[in-house]
C-alpha atoms as a PDB file:
ATOM      1  CA  MET A   1      84.848 151.699 130.423  1.00  0.00           C
ATOM      2  CA  SER A   2      86.538 149.582 127.383  1.00  0.00           C
ATOM      3  CA  MET A   3      84.934 146.414 126.322  1.00  0.00           C
ATOM      4  CA  SER A   4      87.081 143.345 126.491  1.00  0.00           C
ATOM      5  CA  PRO A   5      87.582 141.739 122.945  1.00  0.00           C
ATOM      6  CA  THR A   6      85.235 138.905 121.852  1.00  0.00           C
ATOM      7  CA  MET A   7      85.604 135.988 119.290  1.00  0.00           C
ATOM      8  CA  GLN A   8      83.230 133.801 117.638  1.00  0.00           C
ATOM      9  CA  ALA A   9      83.238 130.192 119.305  1.00  0.00           C
ATOM     10  CA  ALA A  10      81.703 127.048 118.491  1.00  0.00           C
ATOM     11  CA  ILE A  11      80.071 126.431 122.353  1.00  0.00           C
ATOM     12  CA  GLN A  12      77.465 124.126 123.618  1.00  0.00           C
ATOM     13  CA  HIS A  13      75.385 124.539 126.871  1.00  0.00           C
ATOM     14  CA  SER A  14      74.147 121.045 127.049  1.00  0.00           C
ATOM     15  CA  LEU A  15      75.005 117.583 125.915  1.00  0.00           C
ATOM     16  CA  GLY A  16      73.425 116.039 122.932  1.00  0.00           C
ATOM     17  CA  GLY A  17      73.782 115.856 119.117  1.00  0.00           C
ATOM     18  CA  PRO A  18      75.365 118.027 116.827  1.00  0.00           C
ATOM     19  CA  GLU A  19      72.608 120.471 117.172  1.00  0.00           C
ATOM     20  CA  VAL A  20      73.523 121.503 120.860  1.00  0.00           C
ATOM     21  CA  LEU A  21      76.614 123.313 119.115  1.00  0.00           C
ATOM     22  CA  GLU A  22      76.060 126.881 118.357  1.00  0.00           C
ATOM     23  CA  LEU A  23      78.301 129.698 117.094  1.00  0.00           C
ATOM     24  CA  ALA A  24      78.275 132.410 119.783  1.00  0.00           C
ATOM     25  CA  SER A  25      80.380 135.688 120.554  1.00  0.00           C
ATOM     26  CA  VAL A  26      82.545 134.897 123.920  1.00  0.00           C
ATOM     27  CA  PRO A  27      85.210 136.562 125.678  1.00  0.00           C
ATOM     28  CA  ARG A  28      88.468 136.147 123.918  1.00  0.00           C
ATOM     29  CA  PRO A  29      91.159 134.661 126.292  1.00  0.00           C
ATOM     30  CA  GLU A  30      94.291 136.499 127.456  1.00  0.00           C
ATOM     31  CA  PRO A  31      97.434 134.547 127.639  1.00  0.00           C
ATOM     32  CA  ARG A  32      98.659 133.865 131.150  1.00  0.00           C
ATOM     33  CA  ILE A  33     102.120 133.360 132.242  1.00  0.00           C
ATOM     34  CA  ASN A  34     104.036 130.986 129.918  1.00  0.00           C
ATOM     35  CA  GLU A  35     101.088 130.962 127.589  1.00  0.00           C
ATOM     36  CA  ILE A  36     100.516 131.935 124.164  1.00  0.00           C
ATOM     37  CA  LEU A  37      97.479 133.468 122.454  1.00  0.00           C
ATOM     38  CA  VAL A  38      96.915 131.952 119.121  1.00  0.00           C
ATOM     39  CA  ARG A  39      94.707 133.301 116.148  1.00  0.00           C
ATOM     40  CA  VAL A  40      93.434 129.867 115.135  1.00  0.00           C
ATOM     41  CA  ARG A  41      93.300 129.326 111.485  1.00  0.00           C
ATOM     42  CA  ALA A  42      92.288 125.671 111.186  1.00  0.00           C
ATOM     43  CA  ALA A  43      91.341 123.034 113.890  1.00  0.00           C
ATOM     44  CA  GLY A  44      91.169 119.300 113.536  1.00  0.00           C
ATOM     45  CA  LEU A  45      88.040 117.430 114.600  1.00  0.00           C
ATOM     46  CA  ASN A  46      88.532 113.886 116.315  1.00  0.00           C
ATOM     47  CA  PRO A  47      86.084 111.229 117.723  1.00  0.00           C
ATOM     48  CA  THR A  48      86.997 112.566 121.121  1.00  0.00           C
ATOM     49  CA  ASP A  49      85.002 115.687 120.107  1.00  0.00           C
ATOM     50  CA  TRP A  50      81.964 114.263 119.014  1.00  0.00           C
ATOM     51  CA  LYS A  51      82.132 111.678 122.017  1.00  0.00           C
ATOM     52  CA  HIS A  52      82.515 114.638 124.685  1.00  0.00           C
ATOM     53  CA  ARG A  53      79.805 116.780 122.848  1.00  0.00           C
ATOM     54  CA  ALA A  54      77.312 113.471 123.465  1.00  0.00           C
ATOM     55  CA  ASN A  55      78.160 112.569 126.916  1.00  0.00           C
ATOM     56  CA  GLY A  56      80.414 115.113 128.443  1.00  0.00           C
ATOM     57  CA  GLY A  57      83.286 112.392 128.788  1.00  0.00           C
ATOM     58  CA  PHE A  58      86.051 113.557 130.939  1.00  0.00           C
ATOM     59  CA  LEU A  59      84.906 117.322 130.892  1.00  0.00           C
ATOM     60  CA  GLY A  60      81.644 116.757 132.679  1.00  0.00           C
ATOM     61  CA  ASP A  61      79.042 119.244 132.231  1.00  0.00           C
ATOM     62  CA  PRO A  62      79.006 122.016 129.704  1.00  0.00           C
ATOM     63  CA  PRO A  63      79.365 124.945 128.612  1.00  0.00           C
ATOM     64  CA  PHE A  64      82.473 124.194 126.963  1.00  0.00           C
ATOM     65  CA  ILE A  65      84.164 125.026 123.679  1.00  0.00           C
ATOM     66  CA  LEU A  66      85.729 121.503 122.110  1.00  0.00           C
ATOM     67  CA  GLY A  67      88.779 121.043 119.958  1.00  0.00           C
ATOM     68  CA  TRP A  68      92.222 120.273 120.777  1.00  0.00           C
ATOM     69  CA  ASP A  69      94.006 120.169 117.449  1.00  0.00           C
ATOM     70  CA  VAL A  70      95.099 123.618 116.376  1.00  0.00           C
ATOM     71  CA  ALA A  71      97.097 125.596 113.608  1.00  0.00           C
ATOM     72  CA  GLY A  72      97.305 129.359 113.609  1.00  0.00           C
ATOM     73  CA  VAL A  73      99.495 132.211 114.217  1.00  0.00           C
ATOM     74  CA  VAL A  74     100.678 133.530 117.586  1.00  0.00           C
ATOM     75  CA  GLU A  75      98.523 136.891 118.435  1.00  0.00           C
ATOM     76  CA  ALA A  76     100.308 137.555 122.046  1.00  0.00           C
ATOM     77  CA  VAL A  77     102.723 136.138 124.325  1.00  0.00           C
ATOM     78  CA  GLY A  78     102.501 135.722 128.077  1.00  0.00           C
ATOM     79  CA  ILE A  79     105.247 136.539 130.480  1.00  0.00           C
ATOM     80  CA  GLY A  80     108.027 134.100 130.290  1.00  0.00           C
ATOM     81  CA  VAL A  81     107.361 133.035 126.759  1.00  0.00           C
ATOM     82  CA  ALA A  82     110.909 133.086 124.892  1.00  0.00           C
ATOM     83  CA  ARG A  83     110.241 130.332 122.236  1.00  0.00           C
ATOM     84  CA  PHE A  84     107.732 132.294 120.405  1.00  0.00           C
ATOM     85  CA  GLN A  85     106.581 135.765 119.267  1.00  0.00           C
ATOM     86  CA  PRO A  86     103.598 137.363 117.515  1.00  0.00           C
ATOM     87  CA  GLY A  87     103.217 136.360 113.951  1.00  0.00           C
ATOM     88  CA  ASP A  88     104.995 132.850 114.532  1.00  0.00           C
ATOM     89  CA  GLU A  89     102.546 130.050 112.837  1.00  0.00           C
ATOM     90  CA  VAL A  90     102.267 127.074 115.344  1.00  0.00           C
ATOM     91  CA  MET A  91     100.789 123.886 115.734  1.00  0.00           C
ATOM     92  CA  GLY A  92      99.940 121.960 118.487  1.00  0.00           C
ATOM     93  CA  MET A  93      97.564 119.729 120.861  1.00  0.00           C
ATOM     94  CA  LEU A  94      95.956 121.652 123.521  1.00  0.00           C
ATOM     95  CA  SER A  95      96.510 119.698 126.850  1.00  0.00           C
ATOM     96  CA  TYR A  96      94.481 116.793 126.872  1.00  0.00           C
ATOM     97  CA  PRO A  97      91.744 116.499 128.032  1.00  0.00           C
ATOM     98  CA  PHE A  98      91.550 119.498 130.013  1.00  0.00           C
ATOM     99  CA  GLY A  99      92.942 122.184 127.687  1.00  0.00           C
ATOM    100  CA  HIS A 100      90.302 121.959 124.956  1.00  0.00           C
ATOM    101  CA  GLY A 101      88.874 125.280 123.228  1.00  0.00           C
ATOM    102  CA  SER A 102      90.468 125.193 119.598  1.00  0.00           C
ATOM    103  CA  HIS A 103      87.110 125.326 117.763  1.00  0.00           C
ATOM    104  CA  ALA A 104      87.095 129.270 118.041  1.00  0.00           C
ATOM    105  CA  GLU A 105      88.763 131.964 116.765  1.00  0.00           C
ATOM    106  CA  TYR A 106      91.233 132.170 119.531  1.00  0.00           C
ATOM    107  CA  VAL A 107      92.686 130.051 122.042  1.00  0.00           C
ATOM    108  CA  ALA A 108      95.266 130.556 124.993  1.00  0.00           C
ATOM    109  CA  ALA A 109      97.320 127.539 126.014  1.00  0.00           C
ATOM    110  CA  PRO A 110     100.783 126.988 127.405  1.00  0.00           C
ATOM    111  CA  ALA A 111     103.574 127.545 125.126  1.00  0.00           C
ATOM    112  CA  ARG A 112     104.996 123.893 125.565  1.00  0.00           C
ATOM    113  CA  VAL A 113     102.066 122.534 123.794  1.00  0.00           C
ATOM    114  CA  PHE A 114     102.997 124.218 120.538  1.00  0.00           C
ATOM    115  CA  THR A 115     105.723 123.939 118.033  1.00  0.00           C
ATOM    116  CA  LYS A 116     106.549 126.121 114.900  1.00  0.00           C
ATOM    117  CA  LYS A 117     104.846 124.946 111.996  1.00  0.00           C
ATOM    118  CA  PRO A 118     107.084 123.814 109.443  1.00  0.00           C
ATOM    119  CA  ALA A 119     107.064 125.776 106.207  1.00  0.00           C
ATOM    120  CA  GLU A 120     106.494 122.563 104.178  1.00  0.00           C
ATOM    121  CA  LEU A 121     103.444 122.073 106.028  1.00  0.00           C
ATOM    122  CA  ASP A 122      99.983 123.868 105.002  1.00  0.00           C
ATOM    123  CA  ARG A 123      97.622 124.916 107.675  1.00  0.00           C
ATOM    124  CA  LEU A 124      95.309 121.898 107.135  1.00  0.00           C
ATOM    125  CA  GLN A 125      98.135 119.369 107.617  1.00  0.00           C
ATOM    126  CA  ALA A 126      99.421 121.459 110.653  1.00  0.00           C
ATOM    127  CA  ALA A 127      95.690 121.253 112.156  1.00  0.00           C
ATOM    128  CA  ALA A 128      95.081 117.900 111.234  1.00  0.00           C
ATOM    129  CA  LEU A 129      98.331 116.010 112.419  1.00  0.00           C
ATOM    130  CA  PRO A 130      98.635 116.756 116.302  1.00  0.00           C
ATOM    131  CA  LEU A 131      96.493 114.799 118.187  1.00  0.00           C
ATOM    132  CA  VAL A 132      96.250 111.630 116.070  1.00  0.00           C
ATOM    133  CA  SER A 133      99.901 111.614 115.452  1.00  0.00           C
ATOM    134  CA  LEU A 134     101.021 112.126 118.966  1.00  0.00           C
ATOM    135  CA  THR A 135      98.621 109.371 119.987  1.00  0.00           C
ATOM    136  CA  ALA A 136     100.096 107.031 117.243  1.00  0.00           C
ATOM    137  CA  TRP A 137     103.633 108.291 117.946  1.00  0.00           C
ATOM    138  CA  GLN A 138     103.225 107.403 121.702  1.00  0.00           C
ATOM    139  CA  ALA A 139     101.918 104.205 121.364  1.00  0.00           C
ATOM    140  CA  LEU A 140     104.097 102.679 118.735  1.00  0.00           C
ATOM    141  CA  VAL A 141     107.517 104.579 119.885  1.00  0.00           C
ATOM    142  CA  GLU A 142     107.120 105.270 123.417  1.00  0.00           C
ATOM    143  CA  TYR A 143     105.084 102.468 124.904  1.00  0.00           C
ATOM    144  CA  ALA A 144     105.924  99.728 122.174  1.00  0.00           C
ATOM    145  CA  ASP A 145     109.423 100.590 121.701  1.00  0.00           C
ATOM    146  CA  LEU A 146     108.812  99.879 117.916  1.00  0.00           C
ATOM    147  CA  ARG A 147     111.850  98.680 115.998  1.00  0.00           C
ATOM    148  CA  ALA A 148     112.708  98.026 112.476  1.00  0.00           C
ATOM    149  CA  GLY A 149     111.745  94.697 111.163  1.00  0.00           C
ATOM    150  CA  GLN A 150     108.936  94.218 113.598  1.00  0.00           C
ATOM    151  CA  ARG A 151     105.341  93.170 112.688  1.00  0.00           C
ATOM    152  CA  VAL A 152     102.589  95.636 113.363  1.00  0.00           C
ATOM    153  CA  LEU A 153      99.012  95.158 113.167  1.00  0.00           C
ATOM    154  CA  VAL A 154      96.902  98.641 113.041  1.00  0.00           C
ATOM    155  CA  HIS A 155      93.150  98.220 113.782  1.00  0.00           C
ATOM    156  CA  ALA A 156      90.898 100.749 111.968  1.00  0.00           C
ATOM    157  CA  ALA A 157      93.853 101.904 109.602  1.00  0.00           C
ATOM    158  CA  ALA A 158      91.921 103.995 107.462  1.00  0.00           C
ATOM    159  CA  GLY A 159      90.507 106.113 110.474  1.00  0.00           C
ATOM    160  CA  GLY A 160      92.256 109.119 111.925  1.00  0.00           C
ATOM    161  CA  VAL A 161      94.865 107.572 114.182  1.00  0.00           C
ATOM    162  CA  GLY A 162      94.888 104.724 112.338  1.00  0.00           C
ATOM    163  CA  HIS A 163      96.285 106.228 108.859  1.00  0.00           C
ATOM    164  CA  VAL A 164      98.713 108.053 110.700  1.00  0.00           C
ATOM    165  CA  ALA A 165      99.967 104.965 112.628  1.00  0.00           C
ATOM    166  CA  VAL A 166     100.517 103.115 109.333  1.00  0.00           C
ATOM    167  CA  GLN A 167     102.889 105.751 108.355  1.00  0.00           C
ATOM    168  CA  ILE A 168     104.487 106.314 111.532  1.00  0.00           C
ATOM    169  CA  ALA A 169     105.239 102.361 111.717  1.00  0.00           C
ATOM    170  CA  LYS A 170     106.387 102.382 107.879  1.00  0.00           C
ATOM    171  CA  ALA A 171     108.932 105.244 108.844  1.00  0.00           C
ATOM    172  CA  ARG A 172     110.501 103.284 111.465  1.00  0.00           C
ATOM    173  CA  GLY A 173     110.935 100.245 109.106  1.00  0.00           C
ATOM    174  CA  ALA A 174     108.024  97.968 110.251  1.00  0.00           C
ATOM    175  CA  TYR A 175     106.005  95.384 108.286  1.00  0.00           C
ATOM    176  CA  VAL A 176     102.324  96.704 108.575  1.00  0.00           C
ATOM    177  CA  ILE A 177      99.163  94.785 108.864  1.00  0.00           C
ATOM    178  CA  GLY A 178      96.099  96.759 108.464  1.00  0.00           C
ATOM    179  CA  THR A 179      92.277  96.399 109.274  1.00  0.00           C
ATOM    180  CA  ALA A 180      89.754  98.355 107.168  1.00  0.00           C
ATOM    181  CA  SER A 181      86.632  97.328 105.222  1.00  0.00           C
ATOM    182  CA  GLU A 182      87.714  96.117 101.650  1.00  0.00           C
ATOM    183  CA  PRO A 183      86.613  99.242  99.728  1.00  0.00           C
ATOM    184  CA  LYS A 184      89.447 100.990 101.660  1.00  0.00           C
ATOM    185  CA  HIS A 185      92.084  98.787 100.735  1.00  0.00           C
ATOM    186  CA  ASP A 186      93.437 100.523  97.945  1.00  0.00           C
ATOM    187  CA  PHE A 187      93.750 103.504 100.303  1.00  0.00           C
ATOM    188  CA  LEU A 188      95.726 101.305 102.844  1.00  0.00           C
ATOM    189  CA  ARG A 189      98.131 100.209 100.407  1.00  0.00           C
ATOM    190  CA  SER A 190      98.806 103.781  99.272  1.00  0.00           C
ATOM    191  CA  LEU A 191      99.883 104.285 102.805  1.00  0.00           C
ATOM    192  CA  GLY A 192     102.018 101.405 102.813  1.00  0.00           C
ATOM    193  CA  VAL A 193      99.933  98.788 104.430  1.00  0.00           C
ATOM    194  CA  ASP A 194     101.640  95.484 103.585  1.00  0.00           C
ATOM    195  CA  GLN A 195      98.740  93.253 104.440  1.00  0.00           C
ATOM    196  CA  PRO A 196      95.135  94.784 104.310  1.00  0.00           C
ATOM    197  CA  ILE A 197      92.529  92.637 106.117  1.00  0.00           C
ATOM    198  CA  ASP A 198      89.036  93.028 105.556  1.00  0.00           C
ATOM    199  CA  TYR A 199      87.551  92.936 109.396  1.00  0.00           C
ATOM    200  CA  ARG A 200      84.205  92.249 107.629  1.00  0.00           C
ATOM    201  CA  SER A 201      85.038  88.992 105.808  1.00  0.00           C
ATOM    202  CA  GLN A 202      88.131  87.948 107.801  1.00  0.00           C
ATOM    203  CA  ASP A 203      88.813  87.018 111.432  1.00  0.00           C
ATOM    204  CA  PHE A 204      92.077  89.268 112.053  1.00  0.00           C
ATOM    205  CA  VAL A 205      93.132  86.743 114.762  1.00  0.00           C
ATOM    206  CA  GLU A 206      93.511  84.193 111.945  1.00  0.00           C
ATOM    207  CA  ALA A 207      94.520  86.527 109.238  1.00  0.00           C
ATOM    208  CA  ALA A 208      97.426  88.342 111.415  1.00  0.00           C
ATOM    209  CA  GLU A 209      99.944  86.237 113.088  1.00  0.00           C
ATOM    210  CA  ASP A 210     103.442  86.693 114.850  1.00  0.00           C
ATOM    211  CA  VAL A 211     102.709  90.525 115.473  1.00  0.00           C
ATOM    212  CA  ASP A 212     105.065  92.163 117.625  1.00  0.00           C
ATOM    213  CA  VAL A 213     102.760  95.443 118.251  1.00  0.00           C
ATOM    214  CA  VAL A 214      98.883  95.803 117.964  1.00  0.00           C
ATOM    215  CA  LEU A 215      97.572  99.334 117.991  1.00  0.00           C
ATOM    216  CA  ASP A 216      93.979  99.328 119.051  1.00  0.00           C
ATOM    217  CA  PRO A 217      91.740 102.641 118.448  1.00  0.00           C
ATOM    218  CA  LEU A 218      88.497 100.391 118.887  1.00  0.00           C
ATOM    219  CA  GLY A 219      88.920  98.813 122.707  1.00  0.00           C
ATOM    220  CA  GLY A 220      86.705  96.367 124.182  1.00  0.00           C
ATOM    221  CA  ASP A 221      86.749  92.740 122.516  1.00  0.00           C
ATOM    222  CA  THR A 222      89.185  93.982 120.015  1.00  0.00           C
ATOM    223  CA  SER A 223      91.757  94.707 122.521  1.00  0.00           C
ATOM    224  CA  LEU A 224      91.214  91.315 124.151  1.00  0.00           C
ATOM    225  CA  ARG A 225      91.165  89.342 120.901  1.00  0.00           C
ATOM    226  CA  SER A 226      94.390  91.032 119.518  1.00  0.00           C
ATOM    227  CA  LEU A 227      96.270  89.651 122.445  1.00  0.00           C
ATOM    228  CA  HIS A 228      95.937  86.415 120.686  1.00  0.00           C
ATOM    229  CA  THR A 229      97.787  87.826 117.402  1.00  0.00           C
ATOM    230  CA  LEU A 230     101.041  88.269 119.275  1.00  0.00           C
ATOM    231  CA  ARG A 231     104.208  86.365 119.511  1.00  0.00           C
ATOM    232  CA  PRO A 232     105.826  85.997 123.028  1.00  0.00           C
ATOM    233  CA  GLY A 233     106.454  89.313 124.651  1.00  0.00           C
ATOM    234  CA  GLY A 234     104.378  91.251 122.070  1.00  0.00           C
ATOM    235  CA  VAL A 235     102.279  94.209 123.024  1.00  0.00           C
ATOM    236  CA  VAL A 236      98.680  95.545 122.450  1.00  0.00           C
ATOM    237  CA  VAL A 237      98.499  99.126 123.068  1.00  0.00           C
ATOM    238  CA  SER A 238      94.898 100.313 123.458  1.00  0.00           C
ATOM    239  CA  ILE A 239      94.010 103.913 123.054  1.00  0.00           C
ATOM    240  CA  VAL A 240      90.602 103.379 124.816  1.00  0.00           C
ATOM    241  CA  PRO A 241      91.763 104.068 128.461  1.00  0.00           C
ATOM    242  CA  ARG A 242      88.895 102.372 130.339  1.00  0.00           C
ATOM    243  CA  GLY A 243      87.714  98.692 129.829  1.00  0.00           C
ATOM    244  CA  ALA A 244      87.472  95.225 131.796  1.00  0.00           C
ATOM    245  CA  ASP A 245      90.582  93.819 133.637  1.00  0.00           C
ATOM    246  CA  ASP A 246      90.207  90.660 131.541  1.00  0.00           C
ATOM    247  CA  PHE A 247      92.722  92.449 129.042  1.00  0.00           C
ATOM    248  CA  TYR A 248      95.364  92.581 131.759  1.00  0.00           C
ATOM    249  CA  ARG A 249      94.558  89.164 132.935  1.00  0.00           C
ATOM    250  CA  GLU A 250      94.726  87.444 129.416  1.00  0.00           C
ATOM    251  CA  ALA A 251      97.976  89.330 128.610  1.00  0.00           C
ATOM    252  CA  GLU A 252      99.533  87.978 131.668  1.00  0.00           C
ATOM    253  CA  ARG A 253      98.310  84.106 130.947  1.00  0.00           C
ATOM    254  CA  LEU A 254      99.631  84.338 127.434  1.00  0.00           C
ATOM    255  CA  GLY A 255     102.881  85.951 128.159  1.00  0.00           C
ATOM    256  CA  VAL A 256     102.339  89.233 126.278  1.00  0.00           C
ATOM    257  CA  ARG A 257     101.902  92.974 127.280  1.00  0.00           C
ATOM    258  CA  ALA A 258      98.696  95.012 127.401  1.00  0.00           C
ATOM    259  CA  ILE A 259      98.962  98.514 127.581  1.00  0.00           C
ATOM    260  CA  ARG A 260      95.788 101.265 127.899  1.00  0.00           C
ATOM    261  CA  MET A 261      96.908 104.848 127.262  1.00  0.00           C
ATOM    262  CA  LEU A 262      95.639 108.437 126.564  1.00  0.00           C
ATOM    263  CA  VAL A 263      97.564 110.831 124.553  1.00  0.00           C
ATOM    264  CA  ASP A 264      99.799 113.412 126.262  1.00  0.00           C
ATOM    265  CA  SER A 265     100.984 116.931 125.046  1.00  0.00           C
ATOM    266  CA  SER A 266     104.671 116.491 124.368  1.00  0.00           C
ATOM    267  CA  ARG A 267     106.833 119.177 122.709  1.00  0.00           C
ATOM    268  CA  ALA A 268     109.727 116.672 121.750  1.00  0.00           C
ATOM    269  CA  ASP A 269     107.005 114.194 120.287  1.00  0.00           C
ATOM    270  CA  LEU A 270     105.320 116.913 118.371  1.00  0.00           C
ATOM    271  CA  GLY A 271     108.795 118.154 117.291  1.00  0.00           C
ATOM    272  CA  ALA A 272     109.552 114.784 115.887  1.00  0.00           C
ATOM    273  CA  ILE A 273     106.066 114.426 114.108  1.00  0.00           C
ATOM    274  CA  ALA A 274     106.646 118.009 112.582  1.00  0.00           C
ATOM    275  CA  GLU A 275     110.017 116.857 111.140  1.00  0.00           C
ATOM    276  CA  LEU A 276     108.471 113.460 109.767  1.00  0.00           C
ATOM    277  CA  ALA A 277     105.892 115.316 107.924  1.00  0.00           C
ATOM    278  CA  ALA A 278     108.136 118.373 106.933  1.00  0.00           C
ATOM    279  CA  HIS A 279     110.242 115.395 105.281  1.00  0.00           C
ATOM    280  CA  GLY A 280     107.051 114.184 103.199  1.00  0.00           C
ATOM    281  CA  ARG A 281     107.097 111.009 105.486  1.00  0.00           C
ATOM    282  CA  LEU A 282     103.888 111.670 107.202  1.00  0.00           C
ATOM    283  CA  GLN A 283     100.757 113.079 105.724  1.00  0.00           C
ATOM    284  CA  ALA A 284      97.443 113.288 107.009  1.00  0.00           C
ATOM    285  CA  THR A 285      94.520 112.488 104.407  1.00  0.00           C
ATOM    286  CA  ILE A 286      91.920 115.454 104.613  1.00  0.00           C
ATOM    287  CA  ALA A 287      88.332 113.648 104.230  1.00  0.00           C
ATOM    288  CA  GLU A 288      86.579 117.218 104.245  1.00  0.00           C
ATOM    289  CA  THR A 289      87.002 120.660 105.553  1.00  0.00           C
ATOM    290  CA  PHE A 290      84.138 122.732 107.065  1.00  0.00           C
ATOM    291  CA  PRO A 291      84.164 126.399 108.110  1.00  0.00           C
ATOM    292  CA  LEU A 292      83.378 127.003 111.889  1.00  0.00           C
ATOM    293  CA  ALA A 293      79.675 127.969 111.240  1.00  0.00           C
ATOM    294  CA  ARG A 294      79.203 124.560 109.849  1.00  0.00           C
ATOM    295  CA  ILE A 295      80.774 122.698 112.749  1.00  0.00           C
ATOM    296  CA  ALA A 296      77.602 120.722 113.304  1.00  0.00           C
ATOM    297  CA  ASP A 297      77.702 119.223 109.771  1.00  0.00           C
ATOM    298  CA  ALA A 298      81.207 118.334 110.531  1.00  0.00           C
ATOM    299  CA  HIS A 299      80.210 116.471 113.624  1.00  0.00           C
ATOM    300  CA  ARG A 300      77.510 114.802 111.793  1.00  0.00           C
ATOM    301  CA  LEU A 301      79.881 113.564 109.043  1.00  0.00           C
ATOM    302  CA  GLY A 302      82.268 112.466 111.617  1.00  0.00           C
ATOM    303  CA  GLU A 303      79.756 110.329 113.435  1.00  0.00           C
ATOM    304  CA  THR A 304      78.783 108.528 110.411  1.00  0.00           C
ATOM    305  CA  GLY A 305      82.218 106.596 110.956  1.00  0.00           C
ATOM    306  CA  ARG A 306      82.937 106.168 106.981  1.00  0.00           C
ATOM    307  CA  THR A 307      85.344 109.098 106.301  1.00  0.00           C
ATOM    308  CA  ALA A 308      89.035 107.995 105.657  1.00  0.00           C
ATOM    309  CA  GLY A 309      91.645 110.360 107.316  1.00  0.00           C
ATOM    310  CA  LYS A 310      90.810 113.943 109.262  1.00  0.00           C
ATOM    311  CA  ILE A 311      88.143 116.246 109.113  1.00  0.00           C
ATOM    312  CA  VAL A 312      89.502 119.702 109.419  1.00  0.00           C
ATOM    313  CA  ILE A 313      87.623 122.982 110.674  1.00  0.00           C
ATOM    314  CA  THR A 314      88.742 126.364 108.958  1.00  0.00           C
ATOM    315  CA  MET A 315      88.492 129.932 110.578  1.00  0.00           C
ATOM    316  CA  GLU A 316      88.845 131.678 107.048  1.00  0.00           C
END
């Protein structure tokens, strides 16, 4: 009787601090119909990872393997997959939230959540971009219908979603206002931010005016107060999916729009993002990389909230 193949993965059996993450040998998945098996080379780490690690979030109780961003090489294809073949380099975001599992040596997932990695992108970029870029793209392009010449306010503009949102907004011809602590303002300007705001010393409601679109990764009070920066008909898109109903009520009172969203896998959106990145118009800033064995340290760094850009886990 042959043993089924195994792989190393960062698994947790309880909720809690970074110390609950352990490297363990687990069964290697098999690709089902319309799925591909990817040998993971690099995987992004996002705030949603440490939030789920600590409190279970949408996933409930462990055991589970986290990770949604993935860059790697197709190892095998399931029945019906015509788009990819073994050896193809791919990038993608596993279906959010229930498709998690990229913080491992292999992951099996629907072929539709992947695109071929452009040759111009290295694996770190391919691993860092999908979740944050899809979030920003869907917020700005799909929900806010961002047009050239509009004014966009991006909160936490030096963060994972924020620093990508700035670049997408600039690529679409917008004027961009971005909030971050003052030491990060040079970084914001390097991304293309036209007007940096130091949220510690300035009230963004006073500093930003006549805004068409706000991207809010913070939620709560920030969502609510952002409504007051908008011109009539403007929109606040919050990527924090839950909160008080007064966000919607206040928007209605002011004659503006309020949207809460969660990122969703989309091959079309991912293709548009890969193309922007291949043409040098979108680049993830890599704050730091960690090997899979040091994933707890990666979570610790992420939870400080002080990094600019993205943290990436590597399997090499």
